[in-house]
Amino acid sequence: MAEMLAARLHIPSREVRMEKVPVPEPGPGQVRVEVRAAGVCLSDVHLADGTLPPKLLKGDVVTLGHEVAGVVDVLGAGVTDRAAVTAAAATRPGEAAAVWGVVRLPRARST
């Protein structure tokens, strides 16, 4: 299984560590983006400093960095060149994209 590095916040200790995690595969209607740059969001800072309680998080560890830019590298099932494009996504391998993780695209419309 392919791995990648991710900034992971350990909630109990508030320690951020770079850890290897599995590379995700896109599901139907999704694209995977090879991240080329990631920003730190204020919500990431508040999770780390304890001022934002992680009420909706499952478990004690979370991957930070949901503000990313990169290149579409894999298409999920049902995503074609004719798929409707959202303002934040690209739909062909090699296209640049500014996205939030793996995005769901609307179903392609028949022409």
PDB file of N, CA and C in Angstrom:
ATOM      1  N   MET A   1       0.839  -1.179   0.000  1.00  0.00           N
ATOM      2  CA  MET A   1       0.000   0.000   0.000  1.00  0.00           C
ATOM      3  C   MET A   1       0.886   1.246   0.000  1.00  0.00           C
ATOM      4  N   ALA A   2       0.562   2.197  -0.876  1.00  0.00           N
ATOM      5  CA  ALA A   2       1.326   3.441  -0.957  1.00  0.00           C
ATOM      6  C   ALA A   2       1.053   4.298   0.278  1.00  0.00           C
ATOM      7  N   GLU A   3       2.082   5.015   0.687  1.00  0.00           N
ATOM      8  CA  GLU A   3       1.949   5.885   1.852  1.00  0.00           C
ATOM      9  C   GLU A   3       2.349   7.313   1.504  1.00  0.00           C
ATOM     10  N   MET A   4       1.901   8.249   2.334  1.00  0.00           N
ATOM     11  CA  MET A   4       2.266   9.652   2.201  1.00  0.00           C
ATOM     12  C   MET A   4       2.473  10.227   3.600  1.00  0.00           C
ATOM     13  N   LEU A   5       3.099  11.386   3.682  1.00  0.00           N
ATOM     14  CA  LEU A   5       3.271  12.055   4.965  1.00  0.00           C
ATOM     15  C   LEU A   5       2.096  12.992   5.223  1.00  0.00           C
ATOM     16  N   ALA A   6       1.671  13.056   6.467  1.00  0.00           N
ATOM     17  CA  ALA A   6       0.573  13.938   6.857  1.00  0.00           C
ATOM     18  C   ALA A   6       0.879  14.556   8.212  1.00  0.00           C
ATOM     19  N   ALA A   7       0.467  15.808   8.393  1.00  0.00           N
ATOM     20  CA  ALA A   7       0.571  16.468   9.696  1.00  0.00           C
ATOM     21  C   ALA A   7      -0.604  15.981  10.537  1.00  0.00           C
ATOM     22  N   ARG A   8      -0.322  15.262  11.613  1.00  0.00           N
ATOM     23  CA  ARG A   8      -1.364  14.639  12.431  1.00  0.00           C
ATOM     24  C   ARG A   8      -1.329  15.232  13.836  1.00  0.00           C
ATOM     25  N   LEU A   9      -2.481  15.745  14.260  1.00  0.00           N
ATOM     26  CA  LEU A   9      -2.610  16.298  15.601  1.00  0.00           C
ATOM     27  C   LEU A   9      -3.114  15.216  16.538  1.00  0.00           C
ATOM     28  N   HIS A  10      -2.364  14.984  17.614  1.00  0.00           N
ATOM     29  CA  HIS A  10      -2.773  14.045  18.665  1.00  0.00           C
ATOM     30  C   HIS A  10      -3.483  14.892  19.727  1.00  0.00           C
ATOM     31  N   ILE A  11      -4.804  14.779  19.758  1.00  0.00           N
ATOM     32  CA  ILE A  11      -5.653  15.664  20.571  1.00  0.00           C
ATOM     33  C   ILE A  11      -5.275  15.667  22.061  1.00  0.00           C
ATOM     34  N   PRO A  12      -5.131  14.501  22.712  1.00  0.00           N
ATOM     35  CA  PRO A  12      -4.857  14.541  24.159  1.00  0.00           C
ATOM     36  C   PRO A  12      -3.596  15.323  24.531  1.00  0.00           C
ATOM     37  N   SER A  13      -2.524  15.180  23.737  1.00  0.00           N
ATOM     38  CA  SER A  13      -1.256  15.844  24.055  1.00  0.00           C
ATOM     39  C   SER A  13      -1.082  17.169  23.309  1.00  0.00           C
ATOM     40  N   ARG A  14      -1.958  17.437  22.329  1.00  0.00           N
ATOM     41  CA  ARG A  14      -1.863  18.605  21.441  1.00  0.00           C
ATOM     42  C   ARG A  14      -0.538  18.637  20.687  1.00  0.00           C
ATOM     43  N   GLU A  15       0.013  17.477  20.443  1.00  0.00           N
ATOM     44  CA  GLU A  15       1.279  17.359  19.717  1.00  0.00           C
ATOM     45  C   GLU A  15       1.004  17.106  18.237  1.00  0.00           C
ATOM     46  N   VAL A  16       1.687  17.864  17.369  1.00  0.00           N
ATOM     47  CA  VAL A  16       1.576  17.671  15.931  1.00  0.00           C
ATOM     48  C   VAL A  16       2.803  16.882  15.471  1.00  0.00           C
ATOM     49  N   ARG A  17       2.550  15.780  14.762  1.00  0.00           N
ATOM     50  CA  ARG A  17       3.636  14.928  14.261  1.00  0.00           C
ATOM     51  C   ARG A  17       3.448  14.677  12.777  1.00  0.00           C
ATOM     52  N   MET A  18       4.543  14.593  12.048  1.00  0.00           N
ATOM     53  CA  MET A  18       4.513  14.159  10.660  1.00  0.00           C
ATOM     54  C   MET A  18       4.525  12.638  10.679  1.00  0.00           C
ATOM     55  N   GLU A  19       3.476  12.028  10.114  1.00  0.00           N
ATOM     56  CA  GLU A  19       3.336  10.576  10.150  1.00  0.00           C
ATOM     57  C   GLU A  19       2.986  10.039   8.772  1.00  0.00           C
ATOM     58  N   LYS A  20       3.375   8.792   8.526  1.00  0.00           N
ATOM     59  CA  LYS A  20       3.000   8.121   7.289  1.00  0.00           C
ATOM     60  C   LYS A  20       1.572   7.600   7.422  1.00  0.00           C
ATOM     61  N   VAL A  21       0.769   7.855   6.383  1.00  0.00           N
ATOM     62  CA  VAL A  21      -0.620   7.377   6.331  1.00  0.00           C
ATOM     63  C   VAL A  21      -0.856   6.795   4.943  1.00  0.00           C
ATOM     64  N   PRO A  22      -1.848   5.918   4.778  1.00  0.00           N
ATOM     65  CA  PRO A  22      -2.145   5.374   3.451  1.00  0.00           C
ATOM     66  C   PRO A  22      -2.620   6.465   2.483  1.00  0.00           C
ATOM     67  N   VAL A  23      -2.206   6.371   1.233  1.00  0.00           N
ATOM     68  CA  VAL A  23      -2.694   7.280   0.196  1.00  0.00           C
ATOM     69  C   VAL A  23      -4.144   6.898  -0.101  1.00  0.00           C
ATOM     70  N   PRO A  24      -5.082   7.845  -0.010  1.00  0.00           N
ATOM     71  CA  PRO A  24      -6.488   7.505  -0.248  1.00  0.00           C
ATOM     72  C   PRO A  24      -6.776   7.272  -1.723  1.00  0.00           C
ATOM     73  N   GLU A  25      -7.772   6.457  -1.985  1.00  0.00           N
ATOM     74  CA  GLU A  25      -8.254   6.231  -3.349  1.00  0.00           C
ATOM     75  C   GLU A  25      -9.588   6.954  -3.491  1.00  0.00           C
ATOM     76  N   PRO A  26      -9.815   7.640  -4.615  1.00  0.00           N
ATOM     77  CA  PRO A  26     -11.090   8.345  -4.778  1.00  0.00           C
ATOM     78  C   PRO A  26     -12.239   7.369  -4.981  1.00  0.00           C
ATOM     79  N   GLY A  27     -13.383   7.706  -4.426  1.00  0.00           N
ATOM     80  CA  GLY A  27     -14.581   6.902  -4.612  1.00  0.00           C
ATOM     81  C   GLY A  27     -15.327   7.362  -5.854  1.00  0.00           C
ATOM     82  N   PRO A  28     -16.472   6.776  -6.118  1.00  0.00           N
ATOM     83  CA  PRO A  28     -17.282   7.184  -7.271  1.00  0.00           C
ATOM     84  C   PRO A  28     -17.621   8.672  -7.213  1.00  0.00           C
ATOM     85  N   GLY A  29     -17.445   9.358  -8.327  1.00  0.00           N
ATOM     86  CA  GLY A  29     -17.752  10.779  -8.388  1.00  0.00           C
ATOM     87  C   GLY A  29     -16.722  11.681  -7.745  1.00  0.00           C
ATOM     88  N   GLN A  30     -15.564  11.126  -7.369  1.00  0.00           N
ATOM     89  CA  GLN A  30     -14.516  11.907  -6.720  1.00  0.00           C
ATOM     90  C   GLN A  30     -13.261  11.926  -7.579  1.00  0.00           C
ATOM     91  N   VAL A  31     -12.386  12.902  -7.290  1.00  0.00           N
ATOM     92  CA  VAL A  31     -11.046  12.923  -7.864  1.00  0.00           C
ATOM     93  C   VAL A  31     -10.061  12.960  -6.714  1.00  0.00           C
ATOM     94  N   ARG A  32      -8.854  12.437  -6.953  1.00  0.00           N
ATOM     95  CA  ARG A  32      -7.790  12.557  -5.954  1.00  0.00           C
ATOM     96  C   ARG A  32      -6.835  13.638  -6.439  1.00  0.00           C
ATOM     97  N   VAL A  33      -6.378  14.458  -5.515  1.00  0.00           N
ATOM     98  CA  VAL A  33      -5.473  15.547  -5.842  1.00  0.00           C
ATOM     99  C   VAL A  33      -4.127  15.283  -5.196  1.00  0.00           C
ATOM    100  N   GLU A  34      -3.074  15.321  -6.017  1.00  0.00           N
ATOM    101  CA  GLU A  34      -1.708  15.252  -5.488  1.00  0.00           C
ATOM    102  C   GLU A  34      -1.407  16.638  -4.925  1.00  0.00           C
ATOM    103  N   VAL A  35      -1.284  16.739  -3.616  1.00  0.00           N
ATOM    104  CA  VAL A  35      -1.110  18.027  -2.958  1.00  0.00           C
ATOM    105  C   VAL A  35       0.289  18.560  -3.233  1.00  0.00           C
ATOM    106  N   ARG A  36       0.344  19.794  -3.713  1.00  0.00           N
ATOM    107  CA  ARG A  36       1.618  20.468  -3.975  1.00  0.00           C
ATOM    108  C   ARG A  36       1.895  21.549  -2.937  1.00  0.00           C
ATOM    109  N   ALA A  37       0.835  22.055  -2.292  1.00  0.00           N
ATOM    110  CA  ALA A  37       0.979  23.065  -1.241  1.00  0.00           C
ATOM    111  C   ALA A  37      -0.217  22.957  -0.311  1.00  0.00           C
ATOM    112  N   ALA A  38       0.026  23.175   0.979  1.00  0.00           N
ATOM    113  CA  ALA A  38      -1.060  23.144   1.958  1.00  0.00           C
ATOM    114  C   ALA A  38      -0.885  24.308   2.921  1.00  0.00           C
ATOM    115  N   GLY A  39      -2.003  24.924   3.269  1.00  0.00           N
ATOM    116  CA  GLY A  39      -1.964  26.019   4.220  1.00  0.00           C
ATOM    117  C   GLY A  39      -2.477  25.580   5.574  1.00  0.00           C
ATOM    118  N   VAL A  40      -2.123  26.343   6.582  1.00  0.00           N
ATOM    119  CA  VAL A  40      -2.632  26.090   7.920  1.00  0.00           C
ATOM    120  C   VAL A  40      -3.840  26.996   8.118  1.00  0.00           C
ATOM    121  N   CYS A  41      -4.961  26.401   8.377  1.00  0.00           N
ATOM    122  CA  CYS A  41      -6.200  27.134   8.600  1.00  0.00           C
ATOM    123  C   CYS A  41      -6.286  27.511  10.080  1.00  0.00           C
ATOM    124  N   LEU A  42      -7.008  28.565  10.362  1.00  0.00           N
ATOM    125  CA  LEU A  42      -7.160  28.974  11.758  1.00  0.00           C
ATOM    126  C   LEU A  42      -7.860  27.900  12.583  1.00  0.00           C
ATOM    127  N   SER A  43      -8.747  27.121  11.944  1.00  0.00           N
ATOM    128  CA  SER A  43      -9.375  26.029  12.692  1.00  0.00           C
ATOM    129  C   SER A  43      -8.340  24.977  13.093  1.00  0.00           C
ATOM    130  N   ASP A  44      -7.309  24.751  12.256  1.00  0.00           N
ATOM    131  CA  ASP A  44      -6.221  23.835  12.631  1.00  0.00           C
ATOM    132  C   ASP A  44      -5.484  24.366  13.861  1.00  0.00           C
ATOM    133  N   VAL A  45      -5.210  25.667  13.864  1.00  0.00           N
ATOM    134  CA  VAL A  45      -4.512  26.294  14.999  1.00  0.00           C
ATOM    135  C   VAL A  45      -5.354  26.158  16.265  1.00  0.00           C
ATOM    136  N   HIS A  46      -6.652  26.425  16.153  1.00  0.00           N
ATOM    137  CA  HIS A  46      -7.521  26.336  17.329  1.00  0.00           C
ATOM    138  C   HIS A  46      -7.673  24.904  17.836  1.00  0.00           C
ATOM    139  N   LEU A  47      -7.656  23.920  16.936  1.00  0.00           N
ATOM    140  CA  LEU A  47      -7.646  22.523  17.393  1.00  0.00           C
ATOM    141  C   LEU A  47      -6.373  22.234  18.170  1.00  0.00           C
ATOM    142  N   ALA A  48      -5.241  22.713  17.641  1.00  0.00           N
ATOM    143  CA  ALA A  48      -3.948  22.442  18.279  1.00  0.00           C
ATOM    144  C   ALA A  48      -3.800  23.153  19.616  1.00  0.00           C
ATOM    145  N   ASP A  49      -4.332  24.383  19.714  1.00  0.00           N
ATOM    146  CA  ASP A  49      -4.162  25.108  20.982  1.00  0.00           C
ATOM    147  C   ASP A  49      -5.271  24.813  21.992  1.00  0.00           C
ATOM    148  N   GLY A  50      -6.253  24.021  21.586  1.00  0.00           N
ATOM    149  CA  GLY A  50      -7.296  23.602  22.509  1.00  0.00           C
ATOM    150  C   GLY A  50      -8.501  24.517  22.605  1.00  0.00           C
ATOM    151  N   THR A  51      -8.526  25.621  21.844  1.00  0.00           N
ATOM    152  CA  THR A  51      -9.669  26.533  21.926  1.00  0.00           C
ATOM    153  C   THR A  51     -10.853  26.082  21.071  1.00  0.00           C
ATOM    154  N   LEU A  52     -10.646  25.113  20.185  1.00  0.00           N
ATOM    155  CA  LEU A  52     -11.740  24.532  19.399  1.00  0.00           C
ATOM    156  C   LEU A  52     -11.906  23.088  19.835  1.00  0.00           C
ATOM    157  N   PRO A  53     -12.966  22.781  20.569  1.00  0.00           N
ATOM    158  CA  PRO A  53     -13.154  21.408  21.028  1.00  0.00           C
ATOM    159  C   PRO A  53     -13.494  20.489  19.840  1.00  0.00           C
ATOM    160  N   PRO A  54     -12.842  19.352  19.762  1.00  0.00           N
ATOM    161  CA  PRO A  54     -13.063  18.422  18.641  1.00  0.00           C
ATOM    162  C   PRO A  54     -14.300  17.557  18.839  1.00  0.00           C
ATOM    163  N   LYS A  55     -15.469  18.159  18.970  1.00  0.00           N
ATOM    164  CA  LYS A  55     -16.704  17.427  19.270  1.00  0.00           C
ATOM    165  C   LYS A  55     -17.099  16.431  18.181  1.00  0.00           C
ATOM    166  N   LEU A  56     -16.828  16.762  16.919  1.00  0.00           N
ATOM    167  CA  LEU A  56     -17.274  15.910  15.821  1.00  0.00           C
ATOM    168  C   LEU A  56     -16.197  14.952  15.315  1.00  0.00           C
ATOM    169  N   LEU A  57     -15.009  15.023  15.873  1.00  0.00           N
ATOM    170  CA  LEU A  57     -13.923  14.153  15.423  1.00  0.00           C
ATOM    171  C   LEU A  57     -14.049  12.779  16.059  1.00  0.00           C
ATOM    172  N   LYS A  58     -13.773  11.759  15.251  1.00  0.00           N
ATOM    173  CA  LYS A  58     -13.767  10.392  15.774  1.00  0.00           C
ATOM    174  C   LYS A  58     -12.328  10.025  16.109  1.00  0.00           C
ATOM    175  N   GLY A  59     -12.083   9.621  17.307  1.00  0.00           N
ATOM    176  CA  GLY A  59     -10.742   9.233  17.714  1.00  0.00           C
ATOM    177  C   GLY A  59      -9.961  10.398  18.286  1.00  0.00           C
ATOM    178  N   ASP A  60      -8.702  10.123  18.611  1.00  0.00           N
ATOM    179  CA  ASP A  60      -7.840  11.108  19.257  1.00  0.00           C
ATOM    180  C   ASP A  60      -6.799  11.702  18.332  1.00  0.00           C
ATOM    181  N   VAL A  61      -6.845  11.367  17.029  1.00  0.00           N
ATOM    182  CA  VAL A  61      -5.851  11.863  16.074  1.00  0.00           C
ATOM    183  C   VAL A  61      -6.582  12.385  14.843  1.00  0.00           C
ATOM    184  N   VAL A  62      -6.157  13.560  14.344  1.00  0.00           N
ATOM    185  CA  VAL A  62      -6.769  14.147  13.156  1.00  0.00           C
ATOM    186  C   VAL A  62      -5.671  14.647  12.221  1.00  0.00           C
ATOM    187  N   THR A  63      -5.900  14.493  10.909  1.00  0.00           N
ATOM    188  CA  THR A  63      -4.977  15.036   9.918  1.00  0.00           C
ATOM    189  C   THR A  63      -5.333  16.494   9.682  1.00  0.00           C
ATOM    190  N   LEU A  64      -4.331  17.364   9.794  1.00  0.00           N
ATOM    191  CA  LEU A  64      -4.526  18.791   9.600  1.00  0.00           C
ATOM    192  C   LEU A  64      -4.271  19.158   8.134  1.00  0.00           C
ATOM    193  N   GLY A  65      -4.655  20.371   7.753  1.00  0.00           N
ATOM    194  CA  GLY A  65      -4.315  20.891   6.434  1.00  0.00           C
ATOM    195  C   GLY A  65      -5.353  20.639   5.382  1.00  0.00           C
ATOM    196  N   HIS A  66      -6.540  21.227   5.514  1.00  0.00           N
ATOM    197  CA  HIS A  66      -7.588  21.024   4.522  1.00  0.00           C
ATOM    198  C   HIS A  66      -7.617  22.109   3.455  1.00  0.00           C
ATOM    199  N   GLU A  67      -6.732  23.092   3.530  1.00  0.00           N
ATOM    200  CA  GLU A  67      -6.637  24.126   2.500  1.00  0.00           C
ATOM    201  C   GLU A  67      -5.438  23.792   1.630  1.00  0.00           C
ATOM    202  N   VAL A  68      -5.710  23.149   0.501  1.00  0.00           N
ATOM    203  CA  VAL A  68      -4.612  22.633  -0.318  1.00  0.00           C
ATOM    204  C   VAL A  68      -4.743  23.068  -1.775  1.00  0.00           C
ATOM    205  N   ALA A  69      -3.622  22.974  -2.484  1.00  0.00           N
ATOM    206  CA  ALA A  69      -3.594  23.173  -3.936  1.00  0.00           C
ATOM    207  C   ALA A  69      -2.731  22.074  -4.511  1.00  0.00           C
ATOM    208  N   GLY A  70      -3.096  21.590  -5.695  1.00  0.00           N
ATOM    209  CA  GLY A  70      -2.323  20.523  -6.292  1.00  0.00           C
ATOM    210  C   GLY A  70      -2.793  20.201  -7.688  1.00  0.00           C
ATOM    211  N   VAL A  71      -2.555  18.960  -8.084  1.00  0.00           N
ATOM    212  CA  VAL A  71      -2.867  18.493  -9.430  1.00  0.00           C
ATOM    213  C   VAL A  71      -3.707  17.231  -9.333  1.00  0.00           C
ATOM    214  N   VAL A  72      -4.778  17.165 -10.106  1.00  0.00           N
ATOM    215  CA  VAL A  72      -5.593  15.952 -10.149  1.00  0.00           C
ATOM    216  C   VAL A  72      -4.722  14.819 -10.664  1.00  0.00           C
ATOM    217  N   ASP A  73      -4.646  13.705  -9.917  1.00  0.00           N
ATOM    218  CA  ASP A  73      -3.817  12.588 -10.388  1.00  0.00           C
ATOM    219  C   ASP A  73      -4.597  11.301 -10.626  1.00  0.00           C
ATOM    220  N   VAL A  74      -5.791  11.152 -10.026  1.00  0.00           N
ATOM    221  CA  VAL A  74      -6.593   9.951 -10.240  1.00  0.00           C
ATOM    222  C   VAL A  74      -8.070  10.341 -10.272  1.00  0.00           C
ATOM    223  N   LEU A  75      -8.808   9.740 -11.207  1.00  0.00           N
ATOM    224  CA  LEU A  75     -10.250   9.949 -11.294  1.00  0.00           C
ATOM    225  C   LEU A  75     -10.974   8.759 -10.687  1.00  0.00           C
ATOM    226  N   GLY A  76     -12.029   9.026  -9.929  1.00  0.00           N
ATOM    227  CA  GLY A  76     -12.861   7.955  -9.410  1.00  0.00           C
ATOM    228  C   GLY A  76     -13.843   7.493 -10.469  1.00  0.00           C
ATOM    229  N   ALA A  77     -14.502   6.379 -10.192  1.00  0.00           N
ATOM    230  CA  ALA A  77     -15.485   5.825 -11.123  1.00  0.00           C
ATOM    231  C   ALA A  77     -16.556   6.864 -11.445  1.00  0.00           C
ATOM    232  N   GLY A  78     -16.916   6.947 -12.718  1.00  0.00           N
ATOM    233  CA  GLY A  78     -17.974   7.846 -13.138  1.00  0.00           C
ATOM    234  C   GLY A  78     -17.538   9.262 -13.439  1.00  0.00           C
ATOM    235  N   VAL A  79     -16.271   9.605 -13.157  1.00  0.00           N
ATOM    236  CA  VAL A  79     -15.781  10.945 -13.474  1.00  0.00           C
ATOM    237  C   VAL A  79     -15.158  10.887 -14.865  1.00  0.00           C
ATOM    238  N   THR A  80     -15.672  11.710 -15.758  1.00  0.00           N
ATOM    239  CA  THR A  80     -15.157  11.744 -17.124  1.00  0.00           C
ATOM    240  C   THR A  80     -14.780  13.170 -17.484  1.00  0.00           C
ATOM    241  N   ASP A  81     -14.239  13.350 -18.677  1.00  0.00           N
ATOM    242  CA  ASP A  81     -13.891  14.691 -19.135  1.00  0.00           C
ATOM    243  C   ASP A  81     -15.110  15.581 -19.232  1.00  0.00           C
ATOM    244  N   ARG A  82     -16.302  14.984 -19.326  1.00  0.00           N
ATOM    245  CA  ARG A  82     -17.524  15.767 -19.433  1.00  0.00           C
ATOM    246  C   ARG A  82     -18.154  16.050 -18.078  1.00  0.00           C
ATOM    247  N   ALA A  83     -17.510  15.625 -17.002  1.00  0.00           N
ATOM    248  CA  ALA A  83     -18.084  15.869 -15.676  1.00  0.00           C
ATOM    249  C   ALA A  83     -18.194  17.366 -15.425  1.00  0.00           C
ATOM    250  N   ALA A  84     -19.247  17.758 -14.790  1.00  0.00           N
ATOM    251  CA  ALA A  84     -19.416  19.170 -14.447  1.00  0.00           C
ATOM    252  C   ALA A  84     -18.300  19.575 -13.494  1.00  0.00           C
ATOM    253  N   VAL A  85     -17.749  20.734 -13.702  1.00  0.00           N
ATOM    254  CA  VAL A  85     -16.619  21.202 -12.909  1.00  0.00           C
ATOM    255  C   VAL A  85     -17.108  22.228 -11.897  1.00  0.00           C
ATOM    256  N   THR A  86     -16.759  22.021 -10.638  1.00  0.00           N
ATOM    257  CA  THR A  86     -17.090  23.016  -9.619  1.00  0.00           C
ATOM    258  C   THR A  86     -16.044  24.119  -9.683  1.00  0.00           C
ATOM    259  N   ALA A  87     -16.282  25.207  -9.012  1.00  0.00           N
ATOM    260  CA  ALA A  87     -15.352  26.336  -9.040  1.00  0.00           C
ATOM    261  C   ALA A  87     -14.012  25.973  -8.427  1.00  0.00           C
ATOM    262  N   ALA A  88     -13.966  24.909  -7.653  1.00  0.00           N
ATOM    263  CA  ALA A  88     -12.736  24.591  -6.930  1.00  0.00           C
ATOM    264  C   ALA A  88     -12.058  23.321  -7.416  1.00  0.00           C
ATOM    265  N   ALA A  89     -12.485  22.742  -8.521  1.00  0.00           N
ATOM    266  CA  ALA A  89     -11.920  21.446  -8.888  1.00  0.00           C
ATOM    267  C   ALA A  89     -11.591  21.354 -10.365  1.00  0.00           C
ATOM    268  N   ALA A  90     -10.681  20.458 -10.679  1.00  0.00           N
ATOM    269  CA  ALA A  90     -10.367  20.101 -12.053  1.00  0.00           C
ATOM    270  C   ALA A  90     -10.781  18.648 -12.229  1.00  0.00           C
ATOM    271  N   THR A  91     -10.998  18.205 -13.456  1.00  0.00           N
ATOM    272  CA  THR A  91     -11.506  16.846 -13.638  1.00  0.00           C
ATOM    273  C   THR A  91     -10.653  15.969 -14.543  1.00  0.00           C
ATOM    274  N   ARG A  92      -9.483  16.402 -14.909  1.00  0.00           N
ATOM    275  CA  ARG A  92      -8.611  15.562 -15.735  1.00  0.00           C
ATOM    276  C   ARG A  92      -7.254  15.434 -15.067  1.00  0.00           C
ATOM    277  N   PRO A  93      -6.640  14.253 -15.139  1.00  0.00           N
ATOM    278  CA  PRO A  93      -5.287  14.133 -14.582  1.00  0.00           C
ATOM    279  C   PRO A  93      -4.369  15.184 -15.194  1.00  0.00           C
ATOM    280  N   GLY A  94      -3.584  15.808 -14.343  1.00  0.00           N
ATOM    281  CA  GLY A  94      -2.646  16.832 -14.783  1.00  0.00           C
ATOM    282  C   GLY A  94      -3.183  18.243 -14.673  1.00  0.00           C
ATOM    283  N   GLU A  95      -4.494  18.422 -14.474  1.00  0.00           N
ATOM    284  CA  GLU A  95      -5.050  19.766 -14.322  1.00  0.00           C
ATOM    285  C   GLU A  95      -4.793  20.276 -12.908  1.00  0.00           C
ATOM    286  N   ALA A  96      -4.492  21.552 -12.811  1.00  0.00           N
ATOM    287  CA  ALA A  96      -4.278  22.169 -11.507  1.00  0.00           C
ATOM    288  C   ALA A  96      -5.617  22.330 -10.801  1.00  0.00           C
ATOM    289  N   ALA A  97      -5.591  22.237  -9.478  1.00  0.00           N
ATOM    290  CA  ALA A  97      -6.818  22.361  -8.704  1.00  0.00           C
ATOM    291  C   ALA A  97      -6.521  22.971  -7.345  1.00  0.00           C
ATOM    292  N   ALA A  98      -7.430  23.787  -6.869  1.00  0.00           N
ATOM    293  CA  ALA A  98      -7.400  24.274  -5.493  1.00  0.00           C
ATOM    294  C   ALA A  98      -8.628  23.670  -4.840  1.00  0.00           C
ATOM    295  N   VAL A  99      -8.422  22.793  -3.889  1.00  0.00           N
ATOM    296  CA  VAL A  99      -9.546  22.020  -3.368  1.00  0.00           C
ATOM    297  C   VAL A  99      -9.443  21.814  -1.874  1.00  0.00           C
ATOM    298  N   TRP A 100     -10.496  21.212  -1.340  1.00  0.00           N
ATOM    299  CA  TRP A 100     -10.493  20.759   0.048  1.00  0.00           C
ATOM    300  C   TRP A 100     -10.485  19.253  -0.007  1.00  0.00           C
ATOM    301  N   GLY A 101      -9.297  18.647   0.114  1.00  0.00           N
ATOM    302  CA  GLY A 101      -9.169  17.188   0.111  1.00  0.00           C
ATOM    303  C   GLY A 101      -9.698  16.561  -1.160  1.00  0.00           C
ATOM    304  N   VAL A 102     -10.360  15.437  -1.037  1.00  0.00           N
ATOM    305  CA  VAL A 102     -10.980  14.766  -2.180  1.00  0.00           C
ATOM    306  C   VAL A 102     -12.372  15.342  -2.325  1.00  0.00           C
ATOM    307  N   VAL A 103     -12.684  15.850  -3.512  1.00  0.00           N
ATOM    308  CA  VAL A 103     -13.958  16.539  -3.706  1.00  0.00           C
ATOM    309  C   VAL A 103     -14.966  15.653  -4.405  1.00  0.00           C
ATOM    310  N   ARG A 104     -16.226  15.846  -4.096  1.00  0.00           N
ATOM    311  CA  ARG A 104     -17.323  15.182  -4.807  1.00  0.00           C
ATOM    312  C   ARG A 104     -17.759  16.106  -5.925  1.00  0.00           C
ATOM    313  N   LEU A 105     -17.840  15.566  -7.108  1.00  0.00           N
ATOM    314  CA  LEU A 105     -18.293  16.334  -8.253  1.00  0.00           C
ATOM    315  C   LEU A 105     -19.723  15.963  -8.574  1.00  0.00           C
ATOM    316  N   PRO A 106     -20.482  16.912  -9.140  1.00  0.00           N
ATOM    317  CA  PRO A 106     -21.829  16.556  -9.578  1.00  0.00           C
ATOM    318  C   PRO A 106     -21.756  15.493 -10.671  1.00  0.00           C
ATOM    319  N   ARG A 107     -22.819  14.726 -10.835  1.00  0.00           N
ATOM    320  CA  ARG A 107     -22.862  13.733 -11.904  1.00  0.00           C
ATOM    321  C   ARG A 107     -22.735  14.421 -13.254  1.00  0.00           C
ATOM    322  N   ALA A 108     -22.053  13.752 -14.184  1.00  0.00           N
ATOM    323  CA  ALA A 108     -21.900  14.306 -15.523  1.00  0.00           C
ATOM    324  C   ALA A 108     -23.273  14.396 -16.187  1.00  0.00           C
ATOM    325  N   ARG A 109     -23.491  15.429 -16.928  1.00  0.00           N
ATOM    326  CA  ARG A 109     -24.753  15.593 -17.662  1.00  0.00           C
ATOM    327  C   ARG A 109     -24.569  15.044 -19.062  1.00  0.00           C
ATOM    328  N   SER A 110     -25.553  14.343 -19.546  1.00  0.00           N
ATOM    329  CA  SER A 110     -25.450  13.826 -20.901  1.00  0.00           C
ATOM    330  C   SER A 110     -25.688  14.963 -21.887  1.00  0.00           C
ATOM    331  N   THR A 111     -24.985  14.904 -23.016  1.00  0.00           N
ATOM    332  CA  THR A 111     -25.108  15.978 -24.006  1.00  0.00           C
ATOM    333  C   THR A 111     -25.832  15.479 -25.235  1.00  0.00           C
TER     334      THR A 111
END
